[in-house]
Amino acid sequence: MTYYTIIEVCDFLKMKERTLRSWIVKIEERTEFRFTRKIDMKNPHYVYGNPVPQLMLDEDEVKLLEKLNENRKQGANLSEMIDRLFLLPEDYNQRYPVDKRG
C-alpha cells in the first residue's frame, strides 16, 4: 500500500495545506474515522530526538478527500459531506433519519 504525505495530497488536490489539515481535524471530531499516522522512514520528523508519527494518507483516504473536495467545489455543505462520506451507514441513518431527508 502506498502512503502519501500531506504536502503530496495537497498538490494532488490543488488545495492549501491549512485547509486540508482543518478538514482532517473536523472529520476526526465529527466521526469515528481516523486517518493513518505513521513514522515516515524516508523523512522522519523528530521531537526531542525521537521520531514521531505524521499523517500519512493511503489511496482510500485520498479518494475520500478527493470526493469531499469535488463536492465542496460544487457548493455542498462541508459538515453534511463529511457525514455522508466518513460516517458508518448506521451512524449516518441515526443522525439523518430517512424520513426527514429532503
PDB file of N, CA and C in Angstrom:
ATOM      1  N   MET A   1       0.845  -1.179   0.000  1.00  0.00           N
ATOM      2  CA  MET A   1       0.000   0.000   0.000  1.00  0.00           C
ATOM      3  C   MET A   1       0.892   1.245   0.000  1.00  0.00           C
ATOM      4  N   THR A   2       0.511   2.199  -0.784  1.00  0.00           N
ATOM      5  CA  THR A   2       1.274   3.434  -0.902  1.00  0.00           C
ATOM      6  C   THR A   2       0.697   4.488   0.029  1.00  0.00           C
ATOM      7  N   TYR A   3       1.583   5.206   0.691  1.00  0.00           N
ATOM      8  CA  TYR A   3       1.166   6.291   1.579  1.00  0.00           C
ATOM      9  C   TYR A   3       1.695   7.613   1.046  1.00  0.00           C
ATOM     10  N   TYR A   4       0.907   8.667   1.257  1.00  0.00           N
ATOM     11  CA  TYR A   4       1.254   9.996   0.769  1.00  0.00           C
ATOM     12  C   TYR A   4       1.317  10.979   1.928  1.00  0.00           C
ATOM     13  N   THR A   5       2.228  11.922   1.833  1.00  0.00           N
ATOM     14  CA  THR A   5       2.322  12.972   2.848  1.00  0.00           C
ATOM     15  C   THR A   5       1.227  14.004   2.600  1.00  0.00           C
ATOM     16  N   ILE A   6       1.010  14.851   3.580  1.00  0.00           N
ATOM     17  CA  ILE A   6       0.020  15.925   3.451  1.00  0.00           C
ATOM     18  C   ILE A   6       0.376  16.830   2.268  1.00  0.00           C
ATOM     19  N   ILE A   7       1.645  17.140   2.112  1.00  0.00           N
ATOM     20  CA  ILE A   7       2.085  18.013   1.017  1.00  0.00           C
ATOM     21  C   ILE A   7       1.755  17.388  -0.335  1.00  0.00           C
ATOM     22  N   GLU A   8       2.017  16.087  -0.484  1.00  0.00           N
ATOM     23  CA  GLU A   8       1.714  15.400  -1.745  1.00  0.00           C
ATOM     24  C   GLU A   8       0.220  15.409  -2.040  1.00  0.00           C
ATOM     25  N   VAL A   9      -0.591  15.192  -1.008  1.00  0.00           N
ATOM     26  CA  VAL A   9      -2.048  15.193  -1.191  1.00  0.00           C
ATOM     27  C   VAL A   9      -2.536  16.594  -1.548  1.00  0.00           C
ATOM     28  N   CYS A  10      -1.980  17.605  -0.906  1.00  0.00           N
ATOM     29  CA  CYS A  10      -2.348  18.996  -1.228  1.00  0.00           C
ATOM     30  C   CYS A  10      -2.031  19.313  -2.686  1.00  0.00           C
ATOM     31  N   ASP A  11      -0.877  18.888  -3.159  1.00  0.00           N
ATOM     32  CA  ASP A  11      -0.511  19.110  -4.560  1.00  0.00           C
ATOM     33  C   ASP A  11      -1.472  18.387  -5.497  1.00  0.00           C
ATOM     34  N   PHE A  12      -1.837  17.165  -5.140  1.00  0.00           N
ATOM     35  CA  PHE A  12      -2.747  16.374  -5.965  1.00  0.00           C
ATOM     36  C   PHE A  12      -4.144  17.002  -6.020  1.00  0.00           C
ATOM     37  N   LEU A  13      -4.641  17.453  -4.858  1.00  0.00           N
ATOM     38  CA  LEU A  13      -5.992  18.027  -4.783  1.00  0.00           C
ATOM     39  C   LEU A  13      -6.022  19.512  -5.128  1.00  0.00           C
ATOM     40  N   LYS A  14      -4.845  20.097  -5.276  1.00  0.00           N
ATOM     41  CA  LYS A  14      -4.727  21.534  -5.572  1.00  0.00           C
ATOM     42  C   LYS A  14      -5.438  22.373  -4.510  1.00  0.00           C
ATOM     43  N   MET A  15      -5.029  22.145  -3.272  1.00  0.00           N
ATOM     44  CA  MET A  15      -5.593  22.906  -2.163  1.00  0.00           C
ATOM     45  C   MET A  15      -4.504  23.238  -1.163  1.00  0.00           C
ATOM     46  N   LYS A  16      -4.804  24.176  -0.271  1.00  0.00           N
ATOM     47  CA  LYS A  16      -3.826  24.610   0.720  1.00  0.00           C
ATOM     48  C   LYS A  16      -3.701  23.582   1.840  1.00  0.00           C
ATOM     49  N   GLU A  17      -2.495  23.493   2.377  1.00  0.00           N
ATOM     50  CA  GLU A  17      -2.231  22.552   3.464  1.00  0.00           C
ATOM     51  C   GLU A  17      -3.092  22.865   4.680  1.00  0.00           C
ATOM     52  N   ARG A  18      -3.243  24.128   4.997  1.00  0.00           N
ATOM     53  CA  ARG A  18      -4.036  24.520   6.162  1.00  0.00           C
ATOM     54  C   ARG A  18      -5.493  24.060   6.022  1.00  0.00           C
ATOM     55  N   THR A  19      -6.044  24.180   4.811  1.00  0.00           N
ATOM     56  CA  THR A  19      -7.420  23.740   4.565  1.00  0.00           C
ATOM     57  C   THR A  19      -7.540  22.237   4.756  1.00  0.00           C
ATOM     58  N   LEU A  20      -6.620  21.478   4.179  1.00  0.00           N
ATOM     59  CA  LEU A  20      -6.661  20.024   4.295  1.00  0.00           C
ATOM     60  C   LEU A  20      -6.532  19.589   5.750  1.00  0.00           C
ATOM     61  N   ARG A  21      -5.606  20.189   6.476  1.00  0.00           N
ATOM     62  CA  ARG A  21      -5.440  19.829   7.889  1.00  0.00           C
ATOM     63  C   ARG A  21      -6.696  20.162   8.697  1.00  0.00           C
ATOM     64  N   SER A  22      -7.341  21.288   8.396  1.00  0.00           N
ATOM     65  CA  SER A  22      -8.562  21.646   9.133  1.00  0.00           C
ATOM     66  C   SER A  22      -9.687  20.666   8.801  1.00  0.00           C
ATOM     67  N   TRP A  23      -9.763  20.212   7.554  1.00  0.00           N
ATOM     68  CA  TRP A  23     -10.763  19.208   7.193  1.00  0.00           C
ATOM     69  C   TRP A  23     -10.513  17.907   7.942  1.00  0.00           C
ATOM     70  N   ILE A  24      -9.261  17.479   8.030  1.00  0.00           N
ATOM     71  CA  ILE A  24      -8.926  16.233   8.722  1.00  0.00           C
ATOM     72  C   ILE A  24      -9.312  16.326  10.193  1.00  0.00           C
ATOM     73  N   VAL A  25      -9.017  17.457  10.821  1.00  0.00           N
ATOM     74  CA  VAL A  25      -9.401  17.655  12.227  1.00  0.00           C
ATOM     75  C   VAL A  25     -10.917  17.584  12.365  1.00  0.00           C
ATOM     76  N   LYS A  26     -11.638  18.247  11.484  1.00  0.00           N
ATOM     77  CA  LYS A  26     -13.102  18.263  11.549  1.00  0.00           C
ATOM     78  C   LYS A  26     -13.677  16.867  11.321  1.00  0.00           C
ATOM     79  N   ILE A  27     -13.113  16.123  10.381  1.00  0.00           N
ATOM     80  CA  ILE A  27     -13.570  14.754  10.118  1.00  0.00           C
ATOM     81  C   ILE A  27     -13.387  13.896  11.361  1.00  0.00           C
ATOM     82  N   GLU A  28     -12.220  13.997  12.002  1.00  0.00           N
ATOM     83  CA  GLU A  28     -11.955  13.174  13.180  1.00  0.00           C
ATOM     84  C   GLU A  28     -12.776  13.621  14.384  1.00  0.00           C
ATOM     85  N   GLU A  29     -13.184  14.880  14.442  1.00  0.00           N
ATOM     86  CA  GLU A  29     -14.053  15.347  15.524  1.00  0.00           C
ATOM     87  C   GLU A  29     -15.491  14.876  15.319  1.00  0.00           C
ATOM     88  N   ARG A  30     -15.985  14.916  14.089  1.00  0.00           N
ATOM     89  CA  ARG A  30     -17.395  14.614  13.790  1.00  0.00           C
ATOM     90  C   ARG A  30     -17.681  13.121  13.679  1.00  0.00           C
ATOM     91  N   THR A  31     -16.670  12.324  13.352  1.00  0.00           N
ATOM     92  CA  THR A  31     -16.891  10.902  13.069  1.00  0.00           C
ATOM     93  C   THR A  31     -15.893  10.044  13.844  1.00  0.00           C
ATOM     94  N   GLU A  32     -16.068   8.736  13.712  1.00  0.00           N
ATOM     95  CA  GLU A  32     -15.135   7.780  14.319  1.00  0.00           C
ATOM     96  C   GLU A  32     -13.949   7.497  13.399  1.00  0.00           C
ATOM     97  N   PHE A  33     -13.964   8.066  12.202  1.00  0.00           N
ATOM     98  CA  PHE A  33     -12.917   7.834  11.208  1.00  0.00           C
ATOM     99  C   PHE A  33     -11.596   8.410  11.703  1.00  0.00           C
ATOM    100  N   ARG A  34     -10.525   7.632  11.563  1.00  0.00           N
ATOM    101  CA  ARG A  34      -9.193   8.093  11.944  1.00  0.00           C
ATOM    102  C   ARG A  34      -8.243   7.903  10.769  1.00  0.00           C
ATOM    103  N   PHE A  35      -7.525   8.952  10.455  1.00  0.00           N
ATOM    104  CA  PHE A  35      -6.556   8.890   9.371  1.00  0.00           C
ATOM    105  C   PHE A  35      -5.287   8.208   9.855  1.00  0.00           C
ATOM    106  N   THR A  36      -4.544   7.650   8.906  1.00  0.00           N
ATOM    107  CA  THR A  36      -3.318   6.917   9.201  1.00  0.00           C
ATOM    108  C   THR A  36      -2.226   7.872   9.671  1.00  0.00           C
ATOM    109  N   ARG A  37      -1.587   7.484  10.751  1.00  0.00           N
ATOM    110  CA  ARG A  37      -0.426   8.222  11.249  1.00  0.00           C
ATOM    111  C   ARG A  37       0.719   7.225  11.367  1.00  0.00           C
ATOM    112  N   LYS A  38       1.807   7.543  10.685  1.00  0.00           N
ATOM    113  CA  LYS A  38       2.970   6.658  10.671  1.00  0.00           C
ATOM    114  C   LYS A  38       4.234   7.494  10.761  1.00  0.00           C
ATOM    115  N   ILE A  39       5.316   6.818  11.079  1.00  0.00           N
ATOM    116  CA  ILE A  39       6.622   7.465  11.019  1.00  0.00           C
ATOM    117  C   ILE A  39       7.108   7.339   9.581  1.00  0.00           C
ATOM    118  N   ASP A  40       7.365   8.452   8.957  1.00  0.00           N
ATOM    119  CA  ASP A  40       7.855   8.481   7.577  1.00  0.00           C
ATOM    120  C   ASP A  40       9.338   8.129   7.608  1.00  0.00           C
ATOM    121  N   MET A  41       9.657   6.908   7.229  1.00  0.00           N
ATOM    122  CA  MET A  41      11.037   6.441   7.328  1.00  0.00           C
ATOM    123  C   MET A  41      11.961   7.138   6.325  1.00  0.00           C
ATOM    124  N   LYS A  42      11.393   7.692   5.245  1.00  0.00           N
ATOM    125  CA  LYS A  42      12.207   8.417   4.267  1.00  0.00           C
ATOM    126  C   LYS A  42      12.622   9.780   4.805  1.00  0.00           C
ATOM    127  N   ASN A  43      11.726  10.395   5.561  1.00  0.00           N
ATOM    128  CA  ASN A  43      11.967  11.744   6.070  1.00  0.00           C
ATOM    129  C   ASN A  43      11.318  11.879   7.449  1.00  0.00           C
ATOM    130  N   PRO A  44      11.868  11.197   8.472  1.00  0.00           N
ATOM    131  CA  PRO A  44      11.221  11.214   9.787  1.00  0.00           C
ATOM    132  C   PRO A  44      11.253  12.594  10.439  1.00  0.00           C
ATOM    133  N   HIS A  45      10.195  12.873  11.187  1.00  0.00           N
ATOM    134  CA  HIS A  45      10.092  14.120  11.945  1.00  0.00           C
ATOM    135  C   HIS A  45      10.443  13.789  13.396  1.00  0.00           C
ATOM    136  N   TYR A  46      11.409  14.513  13.943  1.00  0.00           N
ATOM    137  CA  TYR A  46      11.885  14.222  15.293  1.00  0.00           C
ATOM    138  C   TYR A  46      11.429  15.282  16.283  1.00  0.00           C
ATOM    139  N   VAL A  47      11.046  14.821  17.475  1.00  0.00           N
ATOM    140  CA  VAL A  47      10.746  15.706  18.593  1.00  0.00           C
ATOM    141  C   VAL A  47      11.546  15.174  19.779  1.00  0.00           C
ATOM    142  N   TYR A  48      12.396  16.007  20.328  1.00  0.00           N
ATOM    143  CA  TYR A  48      13.270  15.625  21.446  1.00  0.00           C
ATOM    144  C   TYR A  48      14.081  14.368  21.126  1.00  0.00           C
ATOM    145  N   GLY A  49      14.533  14.259  19.877  1.00  0.00           N
ATOM    146  CA  GLY A  49      15.389  13.156  19.470  1.00  0.00           C
ATOM    147  C   GLY A  49      14.667  11.871  19.117  1.00  0.00           C
ATOM    148  N   ASN A  50      13.338  11.858  19.202  1.00  0.00           N
ATOM    149  CA  ASN A  50      12.571  10.660  18.885  1.00  0.00           C
ATOM    150  C   ASN A  50      11.688  10.900  17.666  1.00  0.00           C
ATOM    151  N   PRO A  51      11.633   9.924  16.750  1.00  0.00           N
ATOM    152  CA  PRO A  51      10.739  10.094  15.598  1.00  0.00           C
ATOM    153  C   PRO A  51       9.282  10.031  16.049  1.00  0.00           C
ATOM    154  N   VAL A  52       8.442  10.897  15.488  1.00  0.00           N
ATOM    155  CA  VAL A  52       7.023  10.924  15.854  1.00  0.00           C
ATOM    156  C   VAL A  52       6.171  10.645  14.613  1.00  0.00           C
ATOM    157  N   PRO A  53       5.022  10.007  14.807  1.00  0.00           N
ATOM    158  CA  PRO A  53       4.132   9.718  13.677  1.00  0.00           C
ATOM    159  C   PRO A  53       3.591  10.994  13.037  1.00  0.00           C
ATOM    160  N   GLN A  54       3.492  10.958  11.730  1.00  0.00           N
ATOM    161  CA  GLN A  54       2.920  12.047  10.940  1.00  0.00           C
ATOM    162  C   GLN A  54       1.740  11.488  10.153  1.00  0.00           C
ATOM    163  N   LEU A  55       0.860  12.371   9.705  1.00  0.00           N
ATOM    164  CA  LEU A  55      -0.227  11.927   8.839  1.00  0.00           C
ATOM    165  C   LEU A  55       0.360  11.385   7.546  1.00  0.00           C
ATOM    166  N   MET A  56       0.057  10.151   7.243  1.00  0.00           N
ATOM    167  CA  MET A  56       0.478   9.501   6.003  1.00  0.00           C
ATOM    168  C   MET A  56      -0.781   8.876   5.421  1.00  0.00           C
ATOM    169  N   LEU A  57      -1.329   9.466   4.378  1.00  0.00           N
ATOM    170  CA  LEU A  57      -2.625   9.068   3.860  1.00  0.00           C
ATOM    171  C   LEU A  57      -2.494   7.995   2.785  1.00  0.00           C
ATOM    172  N   ASP A  58      -3.330   6.957   2.890  1.00  0.00           N
ATOM    173  CA  ASP A  58      -3.307   5.909   1.869  1.00  0.00           C
ATOM    174  C   ASP A  58      -4.246   6.268   0.717  1.00  0.00           C
ATOM    175  N   GLU A  59      -4.287   5.406  -0.303  1.00  0.00           N
ATOM    176  CA  GLU A  59      -5.075   5.697  -1.509  1.00  0.00           C
ATOM    177  C   GLU A  59      -6.552   5.891  -1.207  1.00  0.00           C
ATOM    178  N   ASP A  60      -7.107   5.045  -0.318  1.00  0.00           N
ATOM    179  CA  ASP A  60      -8.535   5.138   0.008  1.00  0.00           C
ATOM    180  C   ASP A  60      -8.865   6.458   0.692  1.00  0.00           C
ATOM    181  N   GLU A  61      -8.007   6.875   1.604  1.00  0.00           N
ATOM    182  CA  GLU A  61      -8.229   8.152   2.293  1.00  0.00           C
ATOM    183  C   GLU A  61      -8.134   9.323   1.315  1.00  0.00           C
ATOM    184  N   VAL A  62      -7.188   9.245   0.389  1.00  0.00           N
ATOM    185  CA  VAL A  62      -7.039  10.308  -0.612  1.00  0.00           C
ATOM    186  C   VAL A  62      -8.275  10.366  -1.507  1.00  0.00           C
ATOM    187  N   LYS A  63      -8.818   9.199  -1.884  1.00  0.00           N
ATOM    188  CA  LYS A  63     -10.029   9.173  -2.716  1.00  0.00           C
ATOM    189  C   LYS A  63     -11.208   9.816  -1.990  1.00  0.00           C
ATOM    190  N   LEU A  64     -11.364   9.528  -0.704  1.00  0.00           N
ATOM    191  CA  LEU A  64     -12.448  10.142   0.071  1.00  0.00           C
ATOM    192  C   LEU A  64     -12.268  11.656   0.156  1.00  0.00           C
ATOM    193  N   LEU A  65     -11.046  12.095   0.382  1.00  0.00           N
ATOM    194  CA  LEU A  65     -10.784  13.537   0.437  1.00  0.00           C
ATOM    195  C   LEU A  65     -10.998  14.188  -0.930  1.00  0.00           C
ATOM    196  N   GLU A  66     -10.694  13.455  -1.991  1.00  0.00           N
ATOM    197  CA  GLU A  66     -10.924  13.980  -3.341  1.00  0.00           C
ATOM    198  C   GLU A  66     -12.422  14.169  -3.591  1.00  0.00           C
ATOM    199  N   LYS A  67     -13.238  13.186  -3.164  1.00  0.00           N
ATOM    200  CA  LYS A  67     -14.696  13.320  -3.300  1.00  0.00           C
ATOM    201  C   LYS A  67     -15.206  14.508  -2.496  1.00  0.00           C
ATOM    202  N   LEU A  68     -14.680  14.660  -1.286  1.00  0.00           N
ATOM    203  CA  LEU A  68     -15.077  15.787  -0.441  1.00  0.00           C
ATOM    204  C   LEU A  68     -14.726  17.104  -1.122  1.00  0.00           C
ATOM    205  N   ASN A  69     -13.540  17.191  -1.682  1.00  0.00           N
ATOM    206  CA  ASN A  69     -13.092  18.406  -2.359  1.00  0.00           C
ATOM    207  C   ASN A  69     -13.964  18.719  -3.581  1.00  0.00           C
ATOM    208  N   GLU A  70     -14.288  17.691  -4.370  1.00  0.00           N
ATOM    209  CA  GLU A  70     -15.137  17.894  -5.554  1.00  0.00           C
ATOM    210  C   GLU A  70     -16.515  18.420  -5.155  1.00  0.00           C
ATOM    211  N   ASN A  71     -17.094  17.832  -4.108  1.00  0.00           N
ATOM    212  CA  ASN A  71     -18.416  18.268  -3.660  1.00  0.00           C
ATOM    213  C   ASN A  71     -18.387  19.683  -3.096  1.00  0.00           C
ATOM    214  N   ARG A  72     -17.312  20.028  -2.412  1.00  0.00           N
ATOM    215  CA  ARG A  72     -17.186  21.394  -1.879  1.00  0.00           C
ATOM    216  C   ARG A  72     -17.098  22.405  -3.016  1.00  0.00           C
ATOM    217  N   LYS A  73     -16.392  22.060  -4.080  1.00  0.00           N
ATOM    218  CA  LYS A  73     -16.287  22.958  -5.232  1.00  0.00           C
ATOM    219  C   LYS A  73     -17.642  23.176  -5.895  1.00  0.00           C
ATOM    220  N   GLN A  74     -18.548  22.198  -5.737  1.00  0.00           N
ATOM    221  CA  GLN A  74     -19.895  22.318  -6.299  1.00  0.00           C
ATOM    222  C   GLN A  74     -20.856  22.998  -5.328  1.00  0.00           C
ATOM    223  N   GLY A  75     -20.349  23.422  -4.168  1.00  0.00           N
ATOM    224  CA  GLY A  75     -21.154  24.178  -3.220  1.00  0.00           C
ATOM    225  C   GLY A  75     -21.809  23.374  -2.116  1.00  0.00           C
ATOM    226  N   ALA A  76     -21.443  22.106  -1.958  1.00  0.00           N
ATOM    227  CA  ALA A  76     -22.039  21.277  -0.913  1.00  0.00           C
ATOM    228  C   ALA A  76     -21.577  21.740   0.469  1.00  0.00           C
ATOM    229  N   ASN A  77     -22.422  21.509   1.469  1.00  0.00           N
ATOM    230  CA  ASN A  77     -22.109  21.844   2.851  1.00  0.00           C
ATOM    231  C   ASN A  77     -21.022  20.895   3.362  1.00  0.00           C
ATOM    232  N   LEU A  78     -19.971  21.447   3.958  1.00  0.00           N
ATOM    233  CA  LEU A  78     -18.832  20.642   4.406  1.00  0.00           C
ATOM    234  C   LEU A  78     -19.244  19.604   5.447  1.00  0.00           C
ATOM    235  N   SER A  79     -19.993  20.009   6.465  1.00  0.00           N
ATOM    236  CA  SER A  79     -20.379  19.078   7.534  1.00  0.00           C
ATOM    237  C   SER A  79     -21.229  17.931   7.002  1.00  0.00           C
ATOM    238  N   GLU A  80     -22.183  18.246   6.137  1.00  0.00           N
ATOM    239  CA  GLU A  80     -23.034  17.193   5.574  1.00  0.00           C
ATOM    240  C   GLU A  80     -22.228  16.225   4.716  1.00  0.00           C
ATOM    241  N   MET A  81     -21.294  16.751   3.940  1.00  0.00           N
ATOM    242  CA  MET A  81     -20.478  15.879   3.095  1.00  0.00           C
ATOM    243  C   MET A  81     -19.535  15.019   3.934  1.00  0.00           C
ATOM    244  N   ILE A  82     -19.006  15.574   5.004  1.00  0.00           N
ATOM    245  CA  ILE A  82     -18.169  14.776   5.910  1.00  0.00           C
ATOM    246  C   ILE A  82     -18.987  13.625   6.467  1.00  0.00           C
ATOM    247  N   ASP A  83     -20.202  13.927   6.925  1.00  0.00           N
ATOM    248  CA  ASP A  83     -21.059  12.875   7.475  1.00  0.00           C
ATOM    249  C   ASP A  83     -21.375  11.819   6.423  1.00  0.00           C
ATOM    250  N   ARG A  84     -21.702  12.250   5.220  1.00  0.00           N
ATOM    251  CA  ARG A  84     -22.078  11.316   4.155  1.00  0.00           C
ATOM    252  C   ARG A  84     -20.908  10.408   3.767  1.00  0.00           C
ATOM    253  N   LEU A  85     -19.707  10.958   3.706  1.00  0.00           N
ATOM    254  CA  LEU A  85     -18.557  10.183   3.237  1.00  0.00           C
ATOM    255  C   LEU A  85     -17.852   9.389   4.337  1.00  0.00           C
ATOM    256  N   PHE A  86     -17.855   9.900   5.568  1.00  0.00           N
ATOM    257  CA  PHE A  86     -16.999   9.313   6.596  1.00  0.00           C
ATOM    258  C   PHE A  86     -17.739   8.615   7.735  1.00  0.00           C
ATOM    259  N   LEU A  87     -19.049   8.828   7.870  1.00  0.00           N
ATOM    260  CA  LEU A  87     -19.799   8.121   8.908  1.00  0.00           C
ATOM    261  C   LEU A  87     -20.137   6.706   8.443  1.00  0.00           C
ATOM    262  N   LEU A  88     -20.234   5.794   9.387  1.00  0.00           N
ATOM    263  CA  LEU A  88     -20.732   4.463   9.075  1.00  0.00           C
ATOM    264  C   LEU A  88     -22.206   4.589   8.700  1.00  0.00           C
ATOM    265  N   PRO A  89     -22.725   3.719   7.826  1.00  0.00           N
ATOM    266  CA  PRO A  89     -24.122   3.846   7.385  1.00  0.00           C
ATOM    267  C   PRO A  89     -25.131   3.917   8.530  1.00  0.00           C
ATOM    268  N   GLU A  90     -24.954   3.110   9.571  1.00  0.00           N
ATOM    269  CA  GLU A  90     -25.916   3.134  10.684  1.00  0.00           C
ATOM    270  C   GLU A  90     -25.831   4.452  11.461  1.00  0.00           C
ATOM    271  N   ASP A  91     -24.630   5.000  11.608  1.00  0.00           N
ATOM    272  CA  ASP A  91     -24.486   6.299  12.278  1.00  0.00           C
ATOM    273  C   ASP A  91     -25.075   7.417  11.426  1.00  0.00           C
ATOM    274  N   TYR A  92     -24.899   7.322  10.109  1.00  0.00           N
ATOM    275  CA  TYR A  92     -25.461   8.327   9.204  1.00  0.00           C
ATOM    276  C   TYR A  92     -26.989   8.294   9.279  1.00  0.00           C
ATOM    277  N   ASN A  93     -27.567   7.088   9.275  1.00  0.00           N
ATOM    278  CA  ASN A  93     -29.026   6.959   9.351  1.00  0.00           C
ATOM    279  C   ASN A  93     -29.573   7.443  10.686  1.00  0.00           C
ATOM    280  N   GLN A  94     -28.790   7.296  11.745  1.00  0.00           N
ATOM    281  CA  GLN A  94     -29.223   7.792  13.053  1.00  0.00           C
ATOM    282  C   GLN A  94     -29.179   9.323  13.082  1.00  0.00           C
ATOM    283  N   ARG A  95     -28.149   9.914  12.521  1.00  0.00           N
ATOM    284  CA  ARG A  95     -28.010  11.369  12.511  1.00  0.00           C
ATOM    285  C   ARG A  95     -28.974  12.017  11.515  1.00  0.00           C
ATOM    286  N   TYR A  96     -29.205  11.342  10.398  1.00  0.00           N
ATOM    287  CA  TYR A  96     -30.097  11.851   9.344  1.00  0.00           C
ATOM    288  C   TYR A  96     -31.153  10.785   9.044  1.00  0.00           C
ATOM    289  N   PRO A  97     -32.229  10.725   9.849  1.00  0.00           N
ATOM    290  CA  PRO A  97     -33.266   9.706   9.615  1.00  0.00           C
ATOM    291  C   PRO A  97     -33.812   9.782   8.185  1.00  0.00           C
ATOM    292  N   VAL A  98     -34.089   8.618   7.621  1.00  0.00           N
ATOM    293  CA  VAL A  98     -34.533   8.528   6.229  1.00  0.00           C
ATOM    294  C   VAL A  98     -35.790   9.357   5.995  1.00  0.00           C
ATOM    295  N   ASP A  99     -36.728   9.345   6.943  1.00  0.00           N
ATOM    296  CA  ASP A  99     -37.997  10.060   6.752  1.00  0.00           C
ATOM    297  C   ASP A  99     -37.838  11.581   6.799  1.00  0.00           C
ATOM    298  N   LYS A 100     -36.705  12.076   7.302  1.00  0.00           N
ATOM    299  CA  LYS A 100     -36.512  13.527   7.402  1.00  0.00           C
ATOM    300  C   LYS A 100     -35.553  14.084   6.351  1.00  0.00           C
ATOM    301  N   ARG A 101     -35.043  13.216   5.484  1.00  0.00           N
ATOM    302  CA  ARG A 101     -34.136  13.684   4.430  1.00  0.00           C
ATOM    303  C   ARG A 101     -34.936  14.354   3.326  1.00  0.00           C
ATOM    304  N   GLY A 102     -34.358  15.432   2.782  1.00  0.00           N
ATOM    305  CA  GLY A 102     -35.056  16.180   1.733  1.00  0.00           C
ATOM    306  C   GLY A 102     -34.731  15.664   0.438  1.00  0.00           C
TER     307      GLY A 102
END
